[in-house]
N, C-alpha and C. Protein backbone atom coordinates (compact mmCIF):
# COMPACT_ATOMS: atom_id res chain seq x y z
N UNK A 1 93.55 72.14 97.53
CA UNK A 1 92.75 72.70 97.52
C UNK A 1 93.40 74.26 96.64
N UNK A 2 92.64 74.69 95.56
CA UNK A 2 93.46 75.89 94.99
C UNK A 2 93.50 77.37 95.38
N UNK A 3 94.58 77.43 94.46
CA UNK A 3 95.21 79.17 95.82
C UNK A 3 94.83 79.98 94.37
N UNK A 4 94.46 81.08 94.84
CA UNK A 4 93.73 82.29 94.05
C UNK A 4 95.37 82.65 92.91
N UNK A 5 95.37 83.02 92.15
CA UNK A 5 96.37 83.54 91.42
C UNK A 5 96.29 84.70 91.44
N UNK A 6 97.56 85.68 91.63
CA UNK A 6 97.55 86.76 91.79
C UNK A 6 98.44 87.44 90.33
N UNK A 7 98.06 88.57 90.02
CA UNK A 7 98.83 89.11 88.73
C UNK A 7 99.91 89.94 89.64
N UNK A 8 101.28 90.28 88.68
CA UNK A 8 102.10 90.80 89.05
C UNK A 8 101.70 92.04 90.01
N UNK A 9 102.30 92.74 90.93
CA UNK A 9 101.92 94.32 91.74
C UNK A 9 101.92 95.10 90.54
N UNK A 10 103.38 95.24 90.22
CA UNK A 10 103.19 96.66 88.92
C UNK A 10 101.71 96.73 87.87
N UNK A 11 101.60 95.55 87.44
CA UNK A 11 100.14 95.68 86.60
C UNK A 11 98.86 95.77 86.99
N UNK A 12 99.25 95.24 88.35
CA UNK A 12 97.84 95.70 89.03
C UNK A 12 98.10 96.79 89.78
N UNK A 13 98.55 97.74 90.09
CA UNK A 13 98.91 99.04 90.60
C UNK A 13 98.53 100.08 89.10
N UNK A 14 99.00 99.64 88.24
CA UNK A 14 98.08 100.25 86.84
C UNK A 14 97.26 99.93 86.73
N UNK A 15 96.63 98.39 86.66
CA UNK A 15 94.92 98.97 86.72
C UNK A 15 94.10 99.44 88.01
N UNK A 16 94.66 99.26 88.93
CA UNK A 16 94.15 100.02 90.09
C UNK A 16 93.76 101.89 89.67
N UNK A 17 95.34 101.92 88.99
CA UNK A 17 95.15 103.64 89.06
C UNK A 17 94.44 103.83 88.01
N UNK A 18 94.23 102.80 87.28
CA UNK A 18 93.27 103.76 85.72
C UNK A 18 91.44 103.59 86.88
N UNK A 19 91.31 102.31 87.10
CA UNK A 19 90.00 102.89 87.96
C UNK A 19 89.79 103.78 89.30
N UNK A 20 91.05 104.06 89.64
CA UNK A 20 90.55 105.36 90.62
C UNK A 20 91.03 106.35 89.90
N UNK A 21 91.85 106.52 88.91
CA UNK A 21 91.62 107.80 87.60
C UNK A 21 90.29 108.34 87.78
N UNK A 22 89.66 107.14 87.15
CA UNK A 22 88.35 106.94 86.93
C UNK A 22 87.33 107.50 87.88
N UNK A 23 87.36 107.10 88.87
CA UNK A 23 86.87 107.35 90.53
C UNK A 23 86.54 108.29 91.04
N UNK A 24 87.82 109.47 90.53
CA UNK A 24 88.14 110.63 91.21
C UNK A 24 87.28 111.41 90.37
N UNK A 25 87.61 111.48 89.29
CA UNK A 25 87.35 111.81 87.99
C UNK A 25 85.65 112.34 87.87
N UNK A 26 85.14 111.01 87.69
CA UNK A 26 83.61 111.16 88.22
C UNK A 26 83.55 111.70 89.45
N UNK A 27 83.66 111.38 90.57
CA UNK A 27 83.30 112.06 91.54
C UNK A 27 83.39 113.34 92.09
N UNK A 28 84.27 113.90 91.28
CA UNK A 28 84.54 115.53 90.96
C UNK A 28 83.97 116.07 90.36
N UNK A 29 83.37 115.40 88.89
CA UNK A 29 82.12 115.83 88.02
C UNK A 29 81.11 116.22 88.84
N UNK A 30 80.43 115.23 89.19
CA UNK A 30 79.09 114.69 90.13
C UNK A 30 79.18 116.04 91.07
N UNK A 31 80.65 115.75 91.60
CA UNK A 31 80.28 117.04 93.11
C UNK A 31 80.57 118.52 92.09
N UNK A 32 80.55 118.53 91.11
CA UNK A 32 81.08 120.32 91.05
C UNK A 32 80.02 120.76 89.53
N UNK A 33 79.61 119.59 89.35
CA UNK A 33 78.97 119.91 87.83
C UNK A 33 77.05 119.45 88.05
N UNK A 34 77.49 118.47 88.85
CA UNK A 34 76.07 117.42 88.98
C UNK A 34 75.79 116.69 87.39
N UNK A 35 77.10 116.31 86.82
CA UNK A 35 76.90 115.84 85.50
C UNK A 35 78.01 114.85 85.31
N UNK A 36 78.32 113.87 85.16
CA UNK A 36 79.47 113.31 84.92
C UNK A 36 80.00 113.11 83.60
N UNK A 37 79.65 114.12 82.91
CA UNK A 37 80.25 114.64 81.61
C UNK A 37 81.32 115.54 81.79
N UNK A 38 81.18 116.77 82.88
CA UNK A 38 81.86 117.36 82.92
C UNK A 38 82.38 117.83 84.42
N UNK A 39 83.11 118.48 84.68
CA UNK A 39 84.00 118.60 86.16
C UNK A 39 85.05 119.82 85.61
N UNK A 40 84.86 120.33 87.17
CA UNK A 40 85.57 121.42 87.25
C UNK A 40 87.08 120.95 88.11
N UNK A 41 87.88 121.77 87.44
CA UNK A 41 89.07 121.44 87.98
C UNK A 41 89.22 122.53 89.30
N UNK A 42 89.95 121.41 89.95
CA UNK A 42 90.03 122.09 91.48
C UNK A 42 90.81 122.87 91.92
N UNK A 43 91.88 123.20 90.65
CA UNK A 43 92.62 124.66 90.93
C UNK A 43 92.46 125.96 90.12
N UNK A 44 92.20 125.90 89.43
CA UNK A 44 91.81 126.90 88.20
C UNK A 44 90.35 126.70 88.52
N UNK A 45 89.19 125.96 88.19
CA UNK A 45 87.90 126.24 88.67
C UNK A 45 87.39 126.25 86.92
N UNK A 46 88.10 125.80 86.15
CA UNK A 46 87.61 126.19 84.81
C UNK A 46 86.72 124.48 84.68
N UNK A 47 85.92 124.51 83.27
CA UNK A 47 85.08 123.75 83.19
C UNK A 47 85.69 122.63 82.05
N UNK A 48 85.78 121.43 82.39
CA UNK A 48 86.50 120.36 81.53
C UNK A 48 85.72 119.05 81.03
N UNK A 49 85.73 118.49 79.89
CA UNK A 49 84.85 117.09 79.88
C UNK A 49 85.32 116.09 80.85
N UNK A 50 84.77 115.40 80.85
CA UNK A 50 85.64 114.08 81.76
C UNK A 50 86.63 113.70 80.97
N UNK A 51 86.88 113.56 80.17
CA UNK A 51 87.82 113.01 79.09
C UNK A 51 88.90 113.63 79.32
N UNK A 52 89.00 114.97 79.54
CA UNK A 52 90.10 115.90 79.29
C UNK A 52 90.61 116.30 81.11
N UNK A 53 90.16 115.78 81.79
CA UNK A 53 90.50 116.14 83.46
C UNK A 53 91.53 114.96 83.78
N UNK A 54 92.34 114.86 84.60
CA UNK A 54 93.22 114.18 85.09
C UNK A 54 92.83 114.27 86.50
N UNK A 55 93.30 113.10 87.36
CA UNK A 55 93.52 112.80 88.91
C UNK A 55 95.00 113.36 89.16
N UNK A 56 94.61 114.15 89.96
CA UNK A 56 96.24 114.78 90.37
C UNK A 56 96.36 115.05 91.45
N UNK A 57 97.37 114.79 91.66
CA UNK A 57 97.44 114.40 93.45
C UNK A 57 98.10 116.45 94.08
N UNK A 58 97.48 116.08 95.21
CA UNK A 58 98.34 117.70 96.09
C UNK A 58 99.78 117.33 96.76
N UNK A 59 100.48 115.94 96.75
CA UNK A 59 101.38 116.02 96.97
C UNK A 59 101.99 115.22 95.35
N UNK A 60 102.35 116.03 94.96
CA UNK A 60 103.17 115.43 93.74
C UNK A 60 104.15 114.15 93.99
N UNK A 61 104.49 113.48 92.51
CA UNK A 61 105.41 112.22 93.15
C UNK A 61 104.67 111.19 92.70
N UNK A 62 103.46 110.90 93.49
CA UNK A 62 102.32 110.02 93.11
C UNK A 62 103.42 108.77 94.12
N UNK A 63 103.58 108.92 95.19
CA UNK A 63 104.41 107.85 95.90
C UNK A 63 103.37 106.85 96.67
N UNK A 64 103.44 105.91 96.37
CA UNK A 64 102.96 104.56 97.18
C UNK A 64 101.55 105.08 98.27
N UNK A 65 102.34 105.91 99.20
CA UNK A 65 101.80 106.43 100.05
C UNK A 65 100.36 106.88 100.39
N UNK A 66 100.68 108.28 99.04
CA UNK A 66 99.67 109.18 98.82
C UNK A 66 98.93 108.61 97.21
N UNK A 67 99.77 107.41 96.60
CA UNK A 67 99.13 107.46 95.05
C UNK A 67 97.40 106.92 94.99
N UNK A 68 96.80 106.23 96.28
CA UNK A 68 95.82 106.28 96.06
C UNK A 68 94.66 107.09 97.17
N UNK A 69 95.08 108.10 97.74
CA UNK A 69 94.40 108.96 98.85
C UNK A 69 93.42 109.77 97.96
N UNK A 70 92.19 109.51 98.51
CA UNK A 70 91.11 109.59 98.14
C UNK A 70 90.76 111.28 98.27
N UNK A 71 91.45 111.78 99.43
CA UNK A 71 91.29 113.31 99.69
C UNK A 71 92.44 114.08 99.17
N UNK A 72 93.38 113.13 98.68
CA UNK A 72 94.54 113.83 98.17
C UNK A 72 94.66 113.85 96.43
N UNK A 73 93.74 113.36 95.75
CA UNK A 73 93.45 113.41 94.74
C UNK A 73 92.01 114.21 94.03
N UNK A 74 92.21 114.93 93.20
CA UNK A 74 90.95 115.66 92.37
C UNK A 74 91.24 115.58 90.88
N UNK A 75 89.98 116.10 90.23
CA UNK A 75 90.15 115.90 89.07
C UNK A 75 90.54 117.83 89.02
N UNK A 76 92.03 117.17 88.13
CA UNK A 76 92.17 118.80 87.75
C UNK A 76 92.79 118.50 86.11
N UNK A 77 92.75 120.19 85.73
CA UNK A 77 93.07 120.26 84.12
C UNK A 77 94.36 119.31 83.99
N UNK A 78 95.01 119.27 82.60
CA UNK A 78 96.36 119.37 82.39
C UNK A 78 96.88 120.19 82.59
N UNK A 79 96.76 121.78 82.04
CA UNK A 79 97.22 123.02 82.32
C UNK A 79 97.59 123.10 84.17
N UNK A 80 97.15 122.80 85.15
CA UNK A 80 97.01 122.92 86.31
C UNK A 80 98.12 121.68 86.73
N UNK A 81 98.14 120.61 86.40
CA UNK A 81 98.58 119.54 87.08
C UNK A 81 99.77 119.06 86.54
N UNK A 82 100.13 119.10 84.97
CA UNK A 82 101.49 119.18 84.56
C UNK A 82 101.96 120.40 83.98
N UNK A 83 101.58 121.81 83.59
CA UNK A 83 102.34 122.88 83.02
C UNK A 83 102.60 123.44 84.07
N UNK A 84 101.57 123.69 85.16
CA UNK A 84 101.66 124.10 86.47
C UNK A 84 102.41 123.75 87.50
N UNK A 85 102.73 122.65 87.46
CA UNK A 85 103.13 121.22 88.42
C UNK A 85 102.24 121.44 89.64
N UNK A 86 100.71 121.22 88.93
CA UNK A 86 99.79 120.83 90.18
C UNK A 86 99.36 122.13 90.67
N UNK A 87 99.78 123.44 90.38
CA UNK A 87 98.78 124.32 90.79
C UNK A 87 98.89 124.62 92.62
N UNK A 88 100.40 124.09 93.19
CA UNK A 88 100.03 123.37 94.40
C UNK A 88 99.50 124.71 95.61
N UNK A 89 99.94 126.03 95.62
CA UNK A 89 98.95 127.13 96.25
C UNK A 89 97.81 127.26 96.29
N UNK A 90 97.06 126.87 95.24
CA UNK A 90 95.77 127.05 95.36
C UNK A 90 94.92 125.70 95.28
N UNK A 91 95.89 124.57 95.25
CA UNK A 91 95.70 123.47 95.58
C UNK A 91 95.39 123.05 97.05
N UNK A 92 96.52 123.83 97.43
CA UNK A 92 96.18 123.60 99.19
C UNK A 92 94.98 124.66 99.85
N UNK A 93 94.88 125.43 98.91
CA UNK A 93 93.55 126.46 99.38
C UNK A 93 92.53 125.38 99.61
N UNK A 94 92.20 124.93 98.32
CA UNK A 94 90.85 124.03 98.14
C UNK A 94 90.89 123.26 98.90
N UNK A 95 92.41 122.10 98.96
CA UNK A 95 92.26 121.10 100.18
C UNK A 95 91.33 121.58 101.72
N UNK A 96 91.98 122.74 102.17
CA UNK A 96 92.00 123.32 103.52
C UNK A 96 90.00 123.86 102.93
N UNK A 97 89.27 124.40 102.35
CA UNK A 97 88.24 124.60 101.43
C UNK A 97 87.31 123.26 101.93
N UNK A 98 87.63 122.53 101.47
CA UNK A 98 87.11 120.94 101.38
C UNK A 98 87.29 120.32 102.86
N UNK A 99 87.96 120.43 103.43
CA UNK A 99 88.68 119.23 104.39
C UNK A 99 88.60 120.78 105.70
N UNK A 100 88.71 121.03 105.78
CA UNK A 100 89.26 121.73 107.02
C UNK A 100 90.39 122.13 106.96
N UNK A 101 90.38 123.02 108.19
CA UNK A 101 92.53 123.74 108.37
C UNK A 101 92.72 122.12 108.78
N UNK A 102 93.98 122.85 108.29
CA UNK A 102 94.82 121.62 109.12
C UNK A 102 95.15 120.01 107.92
N UNK A 103 93.96 120.19 107.26
CA UNK A 103 93.83 118.85 106.30
C UNK A 103 95.02 118.49 105.27
N UNK A 104 95.63 119.81 104.81
CA UNK A 104 96.49 119.68 103.82
C UNK A 104 97.90 119.35 105.07
N UNK A 105 98.15 119.42 106.50
CA UNK A 105 98.90 118.97 107.12
C UNK A 105 98.93 117.59 107.54
N UNK A 106 97.92 116.78 107.29
CA UNK A 106 98.05 115.54 107.27
C UNK A 106 97.99 114.62 106.04
N UNK A 107 97.62 115.55 105.02
CA UNK A 107 98.27 115.18 103.69
C UNK A 107 99.50 114.77 103.64
N UNK A 108 100.32 115.74 103.99
CA UNK A 108 101.80 116.02 103.59
C UNK A 108 102.07 114.98 104.50
N UNK A 109 102.05 114.64 106.08
CA UNK A 109 102.20 113.74 106.92
C UNK A 109 102.23 112.20 106.47
N UNK A 110 101.01 112.36 105.70
CA UNK A 110 100.66 110.91 105.04
C UNK A 110 101.68 110.70 103.86
N UNK A 111 101.87 111.84 103.06
CA UNK A 111 102.93 111.08 102.03
C UNK A 111 104.02 110.55 102.64
N UNK A 112 104.61 111.38 103.62
CA UNK A 112 105.75 110.85 104.35
C UNK A 112 106.22 109.22 104.61
N UNK A 113 105.06 108.33 104.94
CA UNK A 113 104.79 107.46 105.03
C UNK A 113 105.10 106.59 104.19
N UNK A 114 105.87 104.89 104.09
CA UNK A 114 106.22 104.15 103.02
C UNK A 114 105.29 103.09 103.16
N UNK A 115 104.62 103.31 101.63
CA UNK A 115 103.47 101.73 101.61
C UNK A 115 104.40 101.10 100.43
N UNK A 116 104.21 99.57 100.70
CA UNK A 116 104.23 98.62 99.80
C UNK A 116 102.68 97.89 99.69
N UNK A 117 102.13 97.65 98.40
CA UNK A 117 100.73 97.17 98.22
C UNK A 117 101.41 95.60 97.70
N UNK A 118 100.33 94.83 98.31
CA UNK A 118 100.71 93.41 98.37
C UNK A 118 99.23 93.13 96.96
N UNK A 119 99.61 92.27 96.38
CA UNK A 119 98.63 91.82 95.02
C UNK A 119 97.46 91.67 95.91
N UNK A 120 97.53 91.78 97.07
CA UNK A 120 95.93 90.95 97.35
C UNK A 120 94.70 92.02 97.88
N UNK A 121 96.16 93.32 98.12
CA UNK A 121 95.31 94.58 98.61
C UNK A 121 95.08 95.37 97.25
N UNK A 122 96.12 95.09 95.60
CA UNK A 122 95.52 95.92 94.85
C UNK A 122 94.21 95.31 94.39
N UNK A 123 94.66 94.11 94.18
CA UNK A 123 92.92 93.52 93.87
C UNK A 123 91.97 93.85 94.99
N UNK A 124 92.05 93.94 96.12
CA UNK A 124 90.89 94.44 96.52
C UNK A 124 90.50 95.74 96.41
N UNK A 125 91.40 96.43 96.16
CA UNK A 125 91.45 98.21 95.60
C UNK A 125 90.49 97.87 94.32
N UNK A 126 91.04 97.14 93.59
CA UNK A 126 90.34 97.06 91.86
C UNK A 126 89.10 97.18 91.96
N UNK A 127 88.41 96.00 93.03
CA UNK A 127 87.08 95.63 93.12
C UNK A 127 85.94 96.53 93.57
N UNK A 128 86.91 97.28 94.85
CA UNK A 128 86.68 98.49 95.35
C UNK A 128 86.05 100.02 94.48
N UNK A 129 87.02 99.71 93.60
CA UNK A 129 87.01 100.58 93.03
C UNK A 129 85.61 100.86 91.76
N UNK A 130 85.88 99.70 91.55
CA UNK A 130 84.95 99.28 90.25
C UNK A 130 83.63 99.51 90.40
N UNK A 131 83.26 99.09 91.61
CA UNK A 131 82.29 99.08 91.95
C UNK A 131 81.76 100.33 92.54
N UNK A 132 82.81 101.28 92.86
CA UNK A 132 82.15 102.68 92.94
C UNK A 132 81.93 103.53 92.24
N UNK A 133 82.86 103.00 91.07
CA UNK A 133 82.19 103.73 89.77
C UNK A 133 81.18 103.63 89.03
N UNK A 134 81.23 102.51 89.15
CA UNK A 134 79.31 101.67 88.78
C UNK A 134 78.55 102.55 89.30
N UNK A 135 77.94 102.83 90.80
CA UNK A 135 77.39 103.48 91.76
C UNK A 135 77.21 104.88 91.15
N UNK A 136 78.76 105.31 90.87
CA UNK A 136 78.58 106.79 90.22
C UNK A 136 77.89 107.30 89.13
N UNK A 137 78.22 106.04 88.06
CA UNK A 137 77.34 106.43 86.95
C UNK A 137 75.68 106.14 87.02
N UNK A 138 75.33 105.41 88.13
CA UNK A 138 74.22 104.97 88.50
C UNK A 138 73.23 106.40 88.81
N UNK A 139 74.07 107.29 89.65
CA UNK A 139 73.66 108.30 90.37
C UNK A 139 73.36 109.16 89.00
N UNK A 140 74.86 108.98 88.61
CA UNK A 140 75.09 110.93 87.26
C UNK A 140 73.83 110.17 86.14
């Protein structure tokens, strides 16, 4: 019996991040403008082309436990994500608006957990988000 070969987890994690980031930006473009090519930054509300948006985290640092958090990652412009270091006060307001009072604290608790991904988990996530991106593109 042949066993399935896995790539190294560091390489897989980058591949998952690339497709996850695309998923987040597409999801938020469709949610905010109804169009896959343009979306609104979660924190400043300005409209940007898909390629100019980043997948910004509510909890900075991109720790493993919140790296692929769907409710803790949203389309964000470069200025808010990088220059304003996440624009966290406004990001918190938007998390509460989107998911309800106290969800910001749930995400903070999630970020304190330790997570180490296996190659199998990362491979599964890559397949999942690849499929989700295809579905979103079909919608848009």
